[in-house]
Amino acid sequence: CDLVAVGVHDRNIIPDDSFSAPSYHTSSDYPSDFFAPKNARLNGDRFWSPSSSSSQHLQIDLLSLYKICAVATQGGTTSFYATTTKYKLSFSTTITSWEIYKESGAEKEFDGNYDQPTVVKNILSGKPTGRYIRFIPIATSRSWPGLRVEVFGIRP
């Protein structure tokens, strides 16, 4: 289950409009959508970075219900240093009600990235079911979080 990518990395499987976030960073030094949520694809040449570091999340509609077995993350690309060193996950089947992922009754903080290129994969022992997933940055090694992601799972 943790070897089967849902396809977040591929625009032909999970389209750009399946990604959302409360905000994204803009800079006159980069194209206007360089840091947009749609760019949060593992191994992509762009990434998502929020416009502020508080109360942010990256939300993805997986288009179908999945039993989620693992997630993988990278930091920003080499042209812009942004990493997310710790994050939480939240899941929803309907988009109206969200559950923070827990292990042993406590909200799980996942280890993320301290650099841009390394892929960090985290296994979810609870195998939650959801159509929607949120990556919630809670710590960064720099002033701005940056994320590129993939989700691994199977349809229930």
Protein backbone atom coordinates (compact mmCIF):
# COMPACT_ATOMS: atom_id res chain seq x y z
CA CYS A 1 0.00 0.00 0.00
CA ASP A 2 2.81 2.46 0.82
CA LEU A 3 4.40 1.84 -2.60
CA VAL A 4 1.35 2.85 -4.66
CA ALA A 5 1.41 6.58 -5.49
CA VAL A 6 -2.02 8.18 -5.82
CA GLY A 7 -0.58 10.42 -8.55
CA VAL A 8 -0.31 13.85 -6.93
CA HIS A 9 2.95 14.29 -8.85
CA ASP A 10 1.12 14.01 -12.20
CA ARG A 11 -1.16 16.78 -13.53
CA ASN A 12 -2.91 14.20 -15.75
CA ILE A 13 -4.05 12.28 -12.65
CA ILE A 14 -4.58 15.02 -10.04
CA PRO A 15 -5.28 18.29 -11.91
CA ASP A 16 -4.14 21.74 -10.82
CA ASP A 17 -7.58 22.73 -9.52
CA SER A 18 -7.44 19.88 -6.96
CA PHE A 19 -4.87 21.91 -4.98
CA SER A 20 -5.78 24.78 -2.69
CA ALA A 21 -4.40 26.77 0.24
CA PRO A 22 -5.41 29.86 2.22
CA SER A 23 -2.54 31.74 0.57
CA TYR A 24 0.65 31.51 -1.39
CA HIS A 25 3.76 33.64 -1.58
CA THR A 26 4.35 36.02 -4.48
CA SER A 27 7.57 37.72 -5.49
CA SER A 28 8.47 40.07 -8.32
CA ASP A 29 11.54 37.87 -8.87
CA TYR A 30 9.44 34.85 -9.93
CA PRO A 31 6.39 34.15 -12.13
CA SER A 32 3.17 35.07 -10.28
CA ASP A 33 2.13 31.45 -9.72
CA PHE A 34 5.60 30.05 -8.90
CA PHE A 35 4.62 29.31 -5.27
CA ALA A 36 0.95 28.41 -5.96
CA PRO A 37 -0.60 25.29 -4.40
CA LYS A 38 -0.81 23.54 -7.80
CA ASN A 39 3.00 23.40 -7.82
CA ALA A 40 3.28 21.24 -4.69
CA ARG A 41 4.11 18.12 -6.73
CA LEU A 42 6.92 15.80 -5.68
CA ASN A 43 10.03 16.28 -7.85
CA GLY A 44 8.46 19.30 -9.57
CA ASP A 45 10.49 22.37 -10.53
CA ARG A 46 8.22 24.67 -8.47
CA PHE A 47 6.56 24.31 -5.06
CA TRP A 48 3.94 25.69 -2.65
CA SER A 49 4.95 28.30 -0.13
CA PRO A 50 2.38 30.27 1.89
CA SER A 51 2.40 34.06 2.13
CA SER A 52 2.67 33.84 5.92
CA SER A 53 3.93 31.17 8.25
CA SER A 54 0.88 30.97 10.54
CA SER A 55 -2.41 29.08 10.14
CA GLN A 56 -1.54 27.66 6.74
CA HIS A 57 -2.18 24.34 5.02
CA LEU A 58 -1.92 22.73 1.63
CA GLN A 59 -5.15 20.95 0.67
CA ILE A 60 -5.45 18.33 -2.07
CA ASP A 61 -8.59 16.71 -3.47
CA LEU A 62 -7.55 13.17 -4.42
CA LEU A 63 -10.77 12.90 -6.50
CA SER A 64 -11.65 9.50 -4.96
CA LEU A 65 -11.70 7.95 -1.52
CA TYR A 66 -8.35 6.40 -0.54
CA LYS A 67 -6.96 4.42 2.34
CA ILE A 68 -3.82 6.51 2.92
CA CYS A 69 -0.72 4.47 3.73
CA ALA A 70 2.12 7.00 3.42
CA VAL A 71 3.06 10.51 2.35
CA ALA A 72 6.28 11.87 0.91
CA THR A 73 7.57 15.45 1.01
CA GLN A 74 10.36 17.61 -0.35
CA GLY A 75 11.30 21.18 0.43
CA GLY A 76 11.35 23.97 -2.13
CA THR A 77 13.42 23.86 -5.28
CA THR A 78 17.09 24.77 -5.44
CA SER A 79 16.30 28.25 -6.74
CA PHE A 80 14.52 29.19 -3.49
CA TYR A 81 15.34 27.81 -0.06
CA ALA A 82 12.15 26.92 1.81
CA THR A 83 11.57 23.80 3.88
CA THR A 84 8.94 22.31 6.16
CA THR A 85 10.71 20.42 8.93
CA LYS A 86 7.58 19.35 10.85
CA TYR A 87 3.97 19.01 9.76
CA LYS A 88 0.65 17.44 10.68
CA LEU A 89 -1.93 15.81 8.44
CA SER A 90 -5.68 16.17 8.38
CA PHE A 91 -8.18 14.09 6.40
CA SER A 92 -11.77 14.46 5.24
CA THR A 93 -14.17 12.33 3.25
CA THR A 94 -16.64 15.19 2.63
CA ILE A 95 -14.55 18.42 2.90
CA THR A 96 -16.88 19.70 5.66
CA SER A 97 -15.47 17.75 8.60
CA TRP A 98 -11.73 17.28 9.17
CA GLU A 99 -9.81 14.91 11.44
CA ILE A 100 -6.20 15.51 12.46
CA TYR A 101 -4.23 12.29 12.06
CA LYS A 102 -3.38 10.67 15.39
CA GLU A 103 -1.22 7.78 16.54
CA SER A 104 -1.64 6.30 20.02
CA GLY A 105 -4.33 8.91 20.71
CA ALA A 106 -2.07 11.91 20.12
CA GLU A 107 -1.81 14.24 17.13
CA LYS A 108 1.13 13.01 15.06
CA GLU A 109 3.89 15.44 14.10
CA PHE A 110 5.73 14.16 11.05
CA ASP A 111 9.38 14.84 10.30
CA GLY A 112 9.75 16.78 7.08
CA ASN A 113 12.66 18.25 5.17
CA TYR A 114 15.81 20.14 6.08
CA ASP A 115 16.87 20.53 2.46
CA GLN A 116 15.23 20.85 -0.94
CA PRO A 117 15.97 17.66 -2.91
CA THR A 118 15.67 14.86 -0.34
CA VAL A 119 12.39 12.94 -0.39
CA VAL A 120 11.19 12.12 3.13
CA LYS A 121 8.55 9.38 3.25
CA ASN A 122 6.39 8.81 6.32
CA ILE A 123 4.28 5.67 6.82
CA LEU A 124 0.84 6.14 8.39
CA SER A 125 0.22 3.18 10.68
CA GLY A 126 -3.43 4.13 11.17
CA LYS A 127 -4.21 3.98 7.41
CA PRO A 128 -6.88 6.75 7.51
CA THR A 129 -9.49 6.97 4.77
CA GLY A 130 -10.08 10.24 2.97
CA ARG A 131 -10.67 12.00 -0.30
CA TYR A 132 -9.15 15.25 0.92
CA ILE A 133 -5.82 15.67 2.67
CA ARG A 134 -4.22 18.69 4.30
CA PHE A 135 -0.52 19.11 4.97
CA ILE A 136 -0.23 21.53 7.90
CA PRO A 137 3.27 23.03 8.31
CA ILE A 138 4.21 23.55 11.95
CA ALA A 139 7.98 24.15 11.75
CA THR A 140 10.49 25.32 9.18
CA SER A 141 14.26 25.68 9.13
CA ARG A 142 13.89 29.10 7.47
CA SER A 143 11.27 31.82 7.64
CA TRP A 144 8.96 30.25 5.02
CA PRO A 145 7.58 26.74 4.67
CA GLY A 146 7.94 25.07 1.29
CA LEU A 147 6.36 21.80 0.17
CA ARG A 148 6.27 19.33 -2.70
CA VAL A 149 4.28 16.19 -1.90
CA GLU A 150 2.99 12.78 -2.94
CA VAL A 151 0.37 10.58 -1.30
CA PHE A 152 0.46 6.78 -1.27
CA GLY A 153 -2.62 4.62 -0.86
CA ILE A 154 -5.25 2.37 -2.32
CA ARG A 155 -8.96 2.71 -2.97
CA PRO A 156 -10.92 0.97 -0.19
